[in-house]
Amino acid sequence: MTMKPIYRLITAVLCAAFVVPGGRADDKQIQAQKQQRKVDYYYFEGLKDKQAGRHDVAYDHFRYCISLDSTAAAPLYELAVYALQLRKPELSLDYLRRAVKYDPTNYTYRPALASLSLNVGMYGEAAELYRELVHEHPAKPELIYYPAEALNQAGQTGEAIDRFNELENTLGVNEALSMQKYKLYMQMEQRDKAYNELQRLADNNPGDVRYPIMIGDLLLENGDTAGALSSYEAAHEIDPTSPYYPVSMANYYEAVGDRAAAENQIRTALVDRELDVETKMGISARYLRQLHQTPDAMMTADTLFRTLLAQHPEEPSLKRYYAGLLMMQNKTEEARYQYQLVTEMEPDNEEARQQLLVIAIQANDTKEAMRICQKCRQMFPESPVYFFYLGVLYYEEKALPKRPSTPIARGWRRSPRRTFTCARTSTARSATSTSRSSGGRRRLRPTINRSSTTPTIRPCSTTTPIT
């Protein structure tokens, strides 16, 4: 009977040995769950604040989340977004890298990191991230486009073309892919391969007028004017109303030296309502550069631009080009009106405001030039040129802003019993004379020694009563 208590004691010890560790593990798990619930709560509170536009509160919530759990990927991603909005790309990259590290399976984080890496010029890291994405998501072949672009930016053009070929094998002949390969071949100066890409597109799309025109343009760049003309004529047969045909024919006539025919084609293109505005802008710029500045030519150009403005009244770039033409004709007031319209349509258009400033300065309209400079200082504070112009204008107008009043500038006049410590220049100290005012009090009258160009400032070492 005496052995039973011993057995009971041994059993109790063994049970404690197995039960207590398990209890500690359960406590840790419970604490971890509580911590996770806390992180989740503040994370969702941050999302609600973000949706409500309380971004400062949301930012603080996300920061608190990672202070509770530095491996919380979702708050890290939100902080990366905020860092990017605050123009801190390095900090955003750090947050995104940590988010990818702690949640590598999330499809959102890694593309975001790859895209940001590509935008900030870290092409090698971006290409590697995109390779991983393509490997992990084979059902999304369009992802191949991004590593190809990253490789191209990194200078690995040949490998970029290989990636595009892989994508083409999956998706088939595609205009976007072929055009990307065409650009890369042109970049590598492999014009034969670039021509083959365009020819494949033309063969697969026989009714599309764009490809014969592009082939003609490429042949014209290579100096094959006969081949270019043949391609342009083929394009004209497909669609005689194509707005791009006159543009290419203008290039052809310029190449063969027929300036009159080229200008005729340019005028035809400019008045074509089907031609997009960007192409018209490019033609207009070239037309202005080539224009013979004779009265008849200027009148013709003026008529063309008025027609363009009637077709596209809401295009500020067109108004800017027209203003440039008016300046060439010395029609300053009309040009000023066009530039003012541009600034009304695009208040942050610095080029138009600079032109208005030039017009005001040339017209000796100092007040208007000052007004423009003041406005530009407010809108473009990072540009120092307006401070310079404003200083020159103030100087010419003799309207320099008054400097803060100082004892030396205005002369000292103090009561006999007032005592103070002053600072004065060494040159002014040597040139200071004394006199008595009509009230019998003594005052100091500074005289400026203009022969000294570099006066030094030093404080008075003693306190001197003025009597």
Protein backbone atom coordinates (compact mmCIF):
# COMPACT_ATOMS: atom_id res chain seq x y z
CA MET A 1 0.00 0.00 0.00
CA THR A 2 2.90 2.31 0.60
CA MET A 3 3.85 2.11 -3.09
CA LYS A 4 0.60 3.62 -4.39
CA PRO A 5 1.40 7.23 -3.37
CA ILE A 6 4.75 6.92 -5.15
CA TYR A 7 3.09 5.74 -8.36
CA ARG A 8 0.59 8.58 -8.08
CA LEU A 9 3.41 11.11 -7.71
CA ILE A 10 5.27 9.74 -10.73
CA THR A 11 2.09 9.85 -12.81
CA ALA A 12 1.43 13.47 -11.80
CA VAL A 13 4.96 14.51 -12.74
CA LEU A 14 4.75 12.81 -16.12
CA CYS A 15 1.40 14.44 -16.85
CA ALA A 16 2.77 17.86 -15.93
CA ALA A 17 5.72 17.27 -18.24
CA PHE A 18 3.38 16.69 -21.18
CA VAL A 19 0.59 19.10 -20.34
CA VAL A 20 2.53 22.28 -19.42
CA PRO A 21 4.46 22.65 -22.73
CA GLY A 22 1.27 22.12 -24.65
CA GLY A 23 -0.36 24.81 -22.59
CA ARG A 24 2.43 27.26 -23.38
CA ALA A 25 2.09 26.53 -27.08
CA ASP A 26 -1.62 27.16 -26.89
CA ASP A 27 -0.97 30.49 -25.16
CA LYS A 28 1.46 31.58 -27.90
CA GLN A 29 -1.04 30.62 -30.56
CA ILE A 30 -3.77 32.56 -28.82
CA GLN A 31 -1.53 35.61 -28.52
CA ALA A 32 -0.60 35.35 -32.21
CA GLN A 33 -4.28 35.16 -33.16
CA LYS A 34 -5.06 38.20 -31.04
CA GLN A 35 -2.19 40.08 -32.67
CA GLN A 36 -3.42 39.11 -36.13
CA ARG A 37 -6.95 40.22 -35.32
CA LYS A 38 -5.56 43.54 -34.14
CA VAL A 39 -3.54 43.98 -37.35
CA ASP A 40 -6.58 43.06 -39.45
CA TYR A 41 -8.75 45.53 -37.54
CA TYR A 42 -6.43 48.50 -38.05
CA TYR A 43 -5.75 47.47 -41.66
CA PHE A 44 -9.45 47.52 -42.53
CA GLU A 45 -9.88 50.75 -40.60
CA GLY A 46 -7.10 52.18 -42.77
CA LEU A 47 -8.88 51.00 -45.91
CA LYS A 48 -12.12 52.67 -44.76
CA ASP A 49 -10.28 55.91 -44.06
CA LYS A 50 -8.60 55.70 -47.45
CA GLN A 51 -11.95 55.25 -49.17
CA ALA A 52 -13.30 58.24 -47.23
CA GLY A 53 -10.37 60.43 -48.29
CA ARG A 54 -8.80 60.63 -44.82
CA HIS A 55 -5.40 59.68 -46.13
CA ASP A 56 -3.38 60.96 -43.18
CA VAL A 57 -5.39 58.77 -40.78
CA ALA A 58 -5.19 55.82 -43.16
CA TYR A 59 -1.42 56.22 -43.44
CA ASP A 60 -1.08 56.21 -39.66
CA HIS A 61 -3.21 53.04 -39.43
CA PHE A 62 -1.05 51.22 -41.97
CA ARG A 63 2.09 52.33 -40.17
CA TYR A 64 0.66 51.03 -36.89
CA CYS A 65 -0.08 47.70 -38.55
CA ILE A 66 3.54 47.11 -39.50
CA SER A 67 4.63 48.24 -36.03
CA LEU A 68 2.51 45.37 -34.70
CA ASP A 69 3.64 42.94 -37.39
CA SER A 70 6.52 43.92 -39.67
CA THR A 71 5.71 40.98 -41.97
CA ALA A 72 2.14 42.13 -42.77
CA ALA A 73 2.25 42.31 -46.56
CA ALA A 74 -1.06 44.08 -47.18
CA PRO A 75 -0.25 47.18 -45.08
CA LEU A 76 3.22 47.24 -46.63
CA TYR A 77 1.65 47.40 -50.08
CA GLU A 78 -0.63 50.27 -49.06
CA LEU A 79 2.33 52.16 -47.64
CA ALA A 80 4.19 51.61 -50.91
CA VAL A 81 1.30 53.24 -52.78
CA TYR A 82 1.38 56.23 -50.44
CA ALA A 83 5.17 56.53 -50.70
CA LEU A 84 4.88 56.65 -54.47
CA GLN A 85 2.24 59.37 -54.24
CA LEU A 86 4.61 61.31 -51.97
CA ARG A 87 7.30 61.02 -54.69
CA LYS A 88 9.48 58.70 -52.66
CA PRO A 89 10.13 55.86 -55.13
CA GLU A 90 13.03 54.40 -53.12
CA LEU A 91 10.83 54.03 -50.04
CA SER A 92 8.04 52.60 -52.18
CA LEU A 93 10.44 50.02 -53.63
CA ASP A 94 11.49 49.00 -50.11
CA TYR A 95 7.88 48.49 -49.02
CA LEU A 96 7.06 46.52 -52.17
CA ARG A 97 10.11 44.28 -51.83
CA ARG A 98 9.09 43.45 -48.28
CA ALA A 99 5.50 42.78 -49.37
CA VAL A 100 6.71 40.38 -52.08
CA LYS A 101 9.06 38.70 -49.61
CA TYR A 102 6.37 38.05 -47.00
CA ASP A 103 3.61 37.14 -49.48
CA PRO A 104 5.29 35.81 -52.64
CA THR A 105 2.11 34.20 -53.99
CA ASN A 106 0.16 37.46 -54.23
CA TYR A 107 -0.31 38.38 -57.89
CA THR A 108 -0.67 42.11 -57.19
CA TYR A 109 2.56 42.81 -55.34
CA ARG A 110 5.13 41.42 -57.76
CA PRO A 111 3.80 43.09 -60.93
CA ALA A 112 3.67 46.36 -59.00
CA LEU A 113 7.28 45.92 -57.92
CA ALA A 114 8.36 44.98 -61.45
CA SER A 115 6.53 47.97 -62.96
CA LEU A 116 8.04 50.42 -60.48
CA SER A 117 11.50 48.93 -60.98
CA LEU A 118 11.10 49.42 -64.72
CA ASN A 119 9.94 53.02 -64.28
CA VAL A 120 12.88 54.01 -62.06
CA GLY A 121 15.40 52.48 -64.43
CA MET A 122 16.18 49.22 -62.59
CA TYR A 123 15.75 47.22 -65.78
CA GLY A 124 17.65 44.12 -64.69
CA GLU A 125 15.55 43.64 -61.55
CA ALA A 126 12.36 44.33 -63.52
CA ALA A 127 13.28 41.75 -66.18
CA GLU A 128 13.99 39.11 -63.52
CA LEU A 129 10.68 39.78 -61.77
CA TYR A 130 8.77 39.49 -65.03
CA ARG A 131 10.56 36.24 -65.85
CA GLU A 132 9.37 34.83 -62.52
CA LEU A 133 5.84 35.96 -63.25
CA VAL A 134 5.85 34.32 -66.68
CA HIS A 135 7.18 31.10 -65.16
CA GLU A 136 4.60 31.08 -62.36
CA HIS A 137 1.65 32.04 -64.59
CA PRO A 138 2.07 30.16 -67.88
CA ALA A 139 -1.64 30.65 -68.63
CA LYS A 140 -0.98 34.38 -69.09
CA PRO A 141 1.35 34.60 -72.09
CA GLU A 142 0.75 38.35 -72.42
CA LEU A 143 3.11 38.75 -69.46
CA ILE A 144 6.00 38.02 -71.83
CA TYR A 145 5.56 41.52 -73.26
CA TYR A 146 6.77 43.14 -70.04
CA PRO A 147 10.08 41.28 -69.61
CA ALA A 148 10.77 41.91 -73.28
CA GLU A 149 10.28 45.63 -72.75
CA ALA A 150 12.45 45.51 -69.61
CA LEU A 151 15.19 43.66 -71.50
CA ASN A 152 15.04 46.23 -74.28
CA GLN A 153 15.44 49.05 -71.76
CA ALA A 154 18.35 47.18 -70.22
CA GLY A 155 20.05 47.12 -73.61
CA GLN A 156 19.44 43.41 -74.25
CA THR A 157 17.55 44.01 -77.50
CA GLY A 158 18.25 40.61 -79.00
CA GLU A 159 16.89 38.78 -75.98
CA ALA A 160 13.87 41.10 -76.01
CA ILE A 161 13.11 40.05 -79.59
CA ASP A 162 13.38 36.39 -78.51
CA ARG A 163 10.74 37.01 -75.83
CA PHE A 164 8.45 38.61 -78.41
CA ASN A 165 8.96 35.59 -80.68
CA GLU A 166 7.94 33.29 -77.83
CA LEU A 167 4.80 35.29 -77.30
CA GLU A 168 4.08 35.28 -81.04
CA ASN A 169 4.40 31.50 -81.13
CA THR A 170 1.67 31.35 -78.50
CA LEU A 171 -0.69 34.05 -79.79
CA GLY A 172 0.05 33.93 -83.50
CA VAL A 173 0.93 36.86 -85.77
CA ASN A 174 -0.15 39.98 -83.94
CA GLU A 175 0.10 43.60 -85.05
CA ALA A 176 1.24 44.87 -81.66
CA LEU A 177 4.00 42.26 -81.42
CA SER A 178 5.12 42.72 -85.00
CA MET A 179 5.28 46.47 -84.56
CA GLN A 180 7.36 46.05 -81.40
CA LYS A 181 9.74 43.74 -83.26
CA TYR A 182 9.82 46.19 -86.18
CA LYS A 183 10.87 49.01 -83.85
CA LEU A 184 13.55 46.86 -82.23
CA TYR A 185 14.94 45.80 -85.59
CA MET A 186 15.05 49.44 -86.66
CA GLN A 187 16.80 50.26 -83.40
CA MET A 188 19.38 47.57 -84.18
CA GLU A 189 19.61 48.92 -87.76
CA GLN A 190 18.53 45.54 -89.15
CA ARG A 191 16.31 47.04 -91.82
CA ASP A 192 15.87 43.80 -93.77
CA LYS A 193 14.28 42.10 -90.79
CA ALA A 194 12.20 45.20 -90.10
CA TYR A 195 10.97 45.07 -93.71
CA ASN A 196 10.07 41.38 -93.31
CA GLU A 197 7.92 42.16 -90.26
CA LEU A 198 5.98 44.80 -92.18
CA GLN A 199 5.63 42.54 -95.19
CA ARG A 200 4.16 39.78 -93.00
CA LEU A 201 1.59 42.22 -91.68
CA ALA A 202 0.75 43.37 -95.20
CA ASP A 203 0.35 39.76 -96.38
CA ASN A 204 -1.91 38.88 -93.45
CA ASN A 205 -3.96 42.08 -93.84
CA PRO A 206 -4.23 42.71 -97.60
CA GLY A 207 -7.01 45.28 -97.21
CA ASP A 208 -5.17 47.45 -94.70
CA VAL A 209 -3.70 50.54 -96.33
CA ARG A 210 -1.35 51.32 -93.44
CA TYR A 211 1.18 48.57 -94.12
CA PRO A 212 1.99 49.44 -97.75
CA ILE A 213 2.46 53.05 -96.66
CA MET A 214 4.80 51.98 -93.85
CA ILE A 215 6.73 49.76 -96.26
CA GLY A 216 7.02 52.69 -98.65
CA ASP A 217 8.29 54.93 -95.86
CA LEU A 218 10.92 52.35 -94.92
CA LEU A 219 12.05 51.98 -98.53
CA LEU A 220 12.20 55.76 -98.87
CA GLU A 221 14.47 55.95 -95.81
CA ASN A 222 16.71 53.36 -97.46
CA GLY A 223 16.92 55.51 -100.60
CA ASP A 224 14.76 53.22 -102.78
CA THR A 225 12.48 55.90 -104.24
CA ALA A 226 11.14 53.61 -106.99
CA GLY A 227 10.16 50.91 -104.51
CA ALA A 228 8.62 53.51 -102.23
CA LEU A 229 6.51 54.97 -105.05
CA SER A 230 5.31 51.48 -105.96
CA SER A 231 4.20 50.83 -102.37
CA TYR A 232 2.45 54.21 -102.17
CA GLU A 233 0.58 53.53 -105.39
CA ALA A 234 -0.47 50.12 -104.02
CA ALA A 235 -1.78 51.85 -100.92
CA HIS A 236 -3.67 54.39 -103.03
CA GLU A 237 -5.36 51.55 -104.93
CA ILE A 238 -6.49 49.98 -101.66
CA ASP A 239 -7.94 53.24 -100.30
CA PRO A 240 -7.79 56.41 -102.42
CA THR A 241 -9.15 58.48 -99.51
CA SER A 242 -6.44 57.52 -97.01
CA PRO A 243 -5.35 60.68 -95.15
CA TYR A 244 -1.82 59.33 -94.74
CA TYR A 245 -1.21 58.94 -98.46
CA PRO A 246 -0.62 62.70 -99.10
CA VAL A 247 1.82 62.84 -96.18
CA SER A 248 3.91 60.00 -97.59
CA MET A 249 3.73 61.41 -101.09
CA ALA A 250 4.97 64.75 -99.76
CA ASN A 251 7.97 62.92 -98.32
CA TYR A 252 8.50 61.21 -101.67
CA TYR A 253 8.40 64.47 -103.65
CA GLU A 254 10.83 66.07 -101.22
CA ALA A 255 13.18 63.10 -101.66
CA VAL A 256 13.14 63.47 -105.46
CA GLY A 257 13.49 67.27 -105.26
CA ASP A 258 10.03 68.33 -106.41
CA ARG A 259 9.35 71.02 -103.78
CA ALA A 260 6.19 72.39 -105.42
CA ALA A 261 4.52 68.98 -105.55
CA ALA A 262 5.56 68.32 -101.94
CA GLU A 263 3.96 71.56 -100.72
CA ASN A 264 0.81 70.75 -102.66
CA GLN A 265 0.57 67.36 -100.92
CA ILE A 266 1.18 69.02 -97.52
CA ARG A 267 -1.68 71.45 -98.10
CA THR A 268 -3.92 68.57 -99.11
CA ALA A 269 -3.06 66.69 -95.93
CA LEU A 270 -3.58 69.69 -93.66
CA VAL A 271 -7.15 70.31 -94.80
CA ASP A 272 -8.14 66.61 -94.65
CA ARG A 273 -10.72 66.23 -91.88
CA GLU A 274 -9.96 62.52 -91.53
CA LEU A 275 -6.31 63.03 -90.63
CA ASP A 276 -5.60 62.98 -86.90
CA VAL A 277 -4.51 66.16 -85.15
CA GLU A 278 -1.11 64.85 -84.02
CA THR A 279 -0.10 64.07 -87.60
CA LYS A 280 -1.31 67.48 -88.71
CA MET A 281 0.78 69.08 -85.98
CA GLY A 282 3.88 67.29 -87.21
CA ILE A 283 3.16 68.35 -90.78
CA SER A 284 2.54 71.95 -89.65
CA ALA A 285 5.87 72.11 -87.83
CA ARG A 286 7.72 70.80 -90.87
CA TYR A 287 5.78 73.13 -93.16
CA LEU A 288 6.73 76.16 -91.09
CA ARG A 289 10.40 75.17 -91.16
CA GLN A 290 10.40 74.77 -94.94
CA LEU A 291 8.24 77.77 -95.72
CA HIS A 292 9.73 80.44 -97.98
CA GLN A 293 9.07 83.70 -96.17
CA THR A 294 7.52 85.52 -99.08
CA PRO A 295 4.21 87.41 -98.83
CA ASP A 296 2.39 84.90 -101.03
CA ALA A 297 3.70 81.89 -99.11
CA MET A 298 2.84 83.52 -95.79
CA MET A 299 -0.68 84.27 -96.98
CA THR A 300 -1.12 80.66 -98.08
CA ALA A 301 0.12 79.37 -94.72
CA ASP A 302 -2.18 81.78 -92.87
CA THR A 303 -5.18 80.50 -94.82
CA LEU A 304 -4.23 76.88 -94.09
CA PHE A 305 -3.92 77.51 -90.36
CA ARG A 306 -7.25 79.31 -90.24
CA THR A 307 -8.82 76.27 -91.86
CA LEU A 308 -7.14 74.00 -89.31
CA LEU A 309 -8.34 76.15 -86.41
CA ALA A 310 -11.88 75.97 -87.75
CA GLN A 311 -11.61 72.17 -87.89
CA HIS A 312 -10.00 71.80 -84.43
CA PRO A 313 -10.97 74.82 -82.31
CA GLU A 314 -10.14 73.10 -79.02
CA GLU A 315 -6.56 72.13 -79.90
CA PRO A 316 -4.13 74.39 -77.97
CA SER A 317 -1.03 73.08 -79.78
CA LEU A 318 -2.48 74.23 -83.08
CA LYS A 319 -3.08 77.72 -81.68
CA ARG A 320 0.51 77.80 -80.48
CA TYR A 321 1.82 76.94 -83.95
CA TYR A 322 -0.44 79.54 -85.51
CA ALA A 323 0.84 82.14 -83.06
CA GLY A 324 4.37 81.25 -84.16
CA LEU A 325 3.37 81.89 -87.78
CA LEU A 326 1.83 85.24 -86.79
CA MET A 327 5.07 86.20 -85.04
CA MET A 328 6.95 85.44 -88.28
CA GLN A 329 4.57 87.89 -89.99
CA ASN A 330 5.11 90.51 -87.23
CA LYS A 331 1.43 90.32 -86.29
CA THR A 332 2.22 90.65 -82.62
CA GLU A 333 -1.22 91.50 -81.28
CA GLU A 334 -2.86 88.57 -83.07
CA ALA A 335 -0.11 86.28 -81.81
CA ARG A 336 -0.62 87.59 -78.26
CA TYR A 337 -4.33 86.74 -78.54
CA GLN A 338 -3.57 83.17 -79.63
CA TYR A 339 -1.07 82.67 -76.81
CA GLN A 340 -3.60 84.01 -74.31
CA LEU A 341 -6.13 81.46 -75.58
CA VAL A 342 -3.54 78.75 -75.03
CA THR A 343 -2.96 79.85 -71.41
CA GLU A 344 -6.72 79.85 -70.80
CA MET A 345 -7.02 76.31 -72.17
CA GLU A 346 -3.80 75.11 -70.50
CA PRO A 347 -2.96 77.34 -67.51
CA ASP A 348 0.27 75.42 -66.84
CA ASN A 349 1.59 75.86 -70.40
CA GLU A 350 4.89 77.57 -69.58
CA GLU A 351 5.96 77.96 -73.20
CA ALA A 352 2.91 80.11 -74.04
CA ARG A 353 3.47 82.30 -70.98
CA GLN A 354 7.11 82.78 -71.90
CA GLN A 355 6.05 83.91 -75.37
CA LEU A 356 3.64 86.40 -73.82
CA LEU A 357 6.49 87.68 -71.66
CA VAL A 358 8.71 88.11 -74.71
CA ILE A 359 5.97 90.04 -76.51
CA ALA A 360 5.46 92.32 -73.51
CA ILE A 361 9.20 93.01 -73.17
CA GLN A 362 9.57 93.73 -76.89
CA ALA A 363 6.64 96.14 -76.68
CA ASN A 364 8.25 97.91 -73.66
CA ASP A 365 5.10 97.10 -71.68
CA THR A 366 6.90 96.86 -68.34
CA LYS A 367 3.79 96.57 -66.18
CA GLU A 368 2.42 93.70 -68.24
CA ALA A 369 5.82 91.98 -68.19
CA MET A 370 5.93 92.34 -64.39
CA ARG A 371 2.43 90.90 -64.11
CA ILE A 372 3.39 87.89 -66.24
CA CYS A 373 6.58 87.35 -64.22
CA GLN A 374 4.66 87.49 -60.94
CA LYS A 375 2.16 84.95 -62.28
CA CYS A 376 4.94 82.67 -63.55
CA ARG A 377 6.72 82.88 -60.17
CA GLN A 378 3.57 81.55 -58.54
CA MET A 379 2.96 78.80 -61.10
CA PHE A 380 6.58 77.75 -61.72
CA PRO A 381 8.45 78.47 -58.45
CA GLU A 382 11.26 76.08 -59.37
CA SER A 383 12.27 78.19 -62.39
CA PRO A 384 14.71 81.00 -61.47
CA VAL A 385 14.46 82.87 -64.78
CA TYR A 386 11.37 84.82 -63.71
CA PHE A 387 13.15 86.18 -60.64
CA PHE A 388 15.91 87.43 -62.93
CA TYR A 389 13.52 89.09 -65.37
CA LEU A 390 11.53 90.64 -62.53
CA GLY A 391 14.68 92.10 -60.99
CA VAL A 392 15.71 93.64 -64.32
CA LEU A 393 12.22 95.03 -64.84
CA TYR A 394 12.15 96.56 -61.36
CA TYR A 395 15.53 98.13 -61.99
CA GLU A 396 14.44 99.62 -65.29
CA GLU A 397 11.20 100.88 -63.77
CA LYS A 398 13.02 102.35 -60.74
CA ALA A 399 10.46 100.54 -58.63
CA LEU A 400 12.66 98.33 -56.54
CA PRO A 401 10.81 97.03 -53.47
CA LYS A 402 11.81 98.93 -50.34
CA ARG A 403 14.36 97.11 -48.26
CA PRO A 404 13.75 96.70 -44.53
CA SER A 405 14.61 99.86 -42.64
CA THR A 406 17.87 99.71 -40.67
CA PRO A 407 19.56 102.24 -38.37
CA ILE A 408 22.36 102.84 -40.85
CA ALA A 409 19.96 103.28 -43.78
CA ARG A 410 17.75 105.87 -42.09
CA GLY A 411 20.22 107.51 -39.65
CA TRP A 412 19.98 107.21 -35.93
CA ARG A 413 17.76 109.38 -33.83
CA ARG A 414 17.27 108.19 -30.28
CA SER A 415 16.37 109.78 -26.98
CA PRO A 416 19.40 110.87 -24.84
CA ARG A 417 18.82 108.21 -22.26
CA ARG A 418 18.20 105.24 -24.62
CA THR A 419 20.97 102.66 -24.73
CA PHE A 420 21.35 99.82 -27.28
CA THR A 421 23.95 97.69 -28.99
CA CYS A 422 24.38 98.08 -32.73
CA ALA A 423 26.14 96.46 -35.66
CA ARG A 424 27.60 98.58 -38.41
CA THR A 425 30.02 98.18 -41.27
CA SER A 426 33.66 99.02 -40.84
CA THR A 427 33.53 101.40 -43.79
CA ALA A 428 30.46 103.15 -42.40
CA ARG A 429 32.13 103.35 -38.93
CA SER A 430 35.11 105.18 -40.41
CA ALA A 431 33.00 107.52 -42.46
CA THR A 432 30.40 108.37 -39.79
CA SER A 433 30.22 112.00 -38.80
CA THR A 434 28.37 113.68 -35.95
CA SER A 435 26.08 116.65 -35.95
CA ARG A 436 23.54 118.28 -33.72
CA SER A 437 19.90 118.44 -34.57
CA SER A 438 17.86 121.55 -34.14
CA GLY A 439 16.71 120.21 -30.78
CA GLY A 440 20.24 120.23 -29.48
CA ARG A 441 20.57 116.45 -29.41
CA ARG A 442 23.48 114.73 -30.97
CA ARG A 443 22.92 112.20 -33.74
CA LEU A 444 25.03 110.04 -36.01
CA ARG A 445 24.77 110.60 -39.77
CA PRO A 446 26.27 107.76 -41.81
CA THR A 447 27.94 108.54 -45.12
CA ILE A 448 28.56 105.71 -47.57
CA ASN A 449 32.08 105.17 -48.80
CA ARG A 450 31.36 103.99 -52.37
CA SER A 451 35.02 103.32 -53.09
CA SER A 452 34.87 100.29 -50.84
CA THR A 453 33.24 97.32 -52.57
CA THR A 454 33.44 94.74 -49.82
CA PRO A 455 32.48 96.21 -46.44
CA THR A 456 32.67 93.85 -43.51
CA ILE A 457 30.10 93.55 -40.72
CA ARG A 458 31.15 93.37 -37.10
CA PRO A 459 29.15 93.93 -33.91
CA CYS A 460 29.93 96.69 -31.46
CA SER A 461 31.82 95.32 -28.48
CA THR A 462 30.47 97.81 -25.96
CA THR A 463 27.19 99.42 -25.21
CA THR A 464 27.45 103.13 -25.93
CA PRO A 465 24.83 105.60 -24.76
CA ILE A 466 23.76 108.13 -27.36
CA THR A 467 23.79 111.54 -25.75
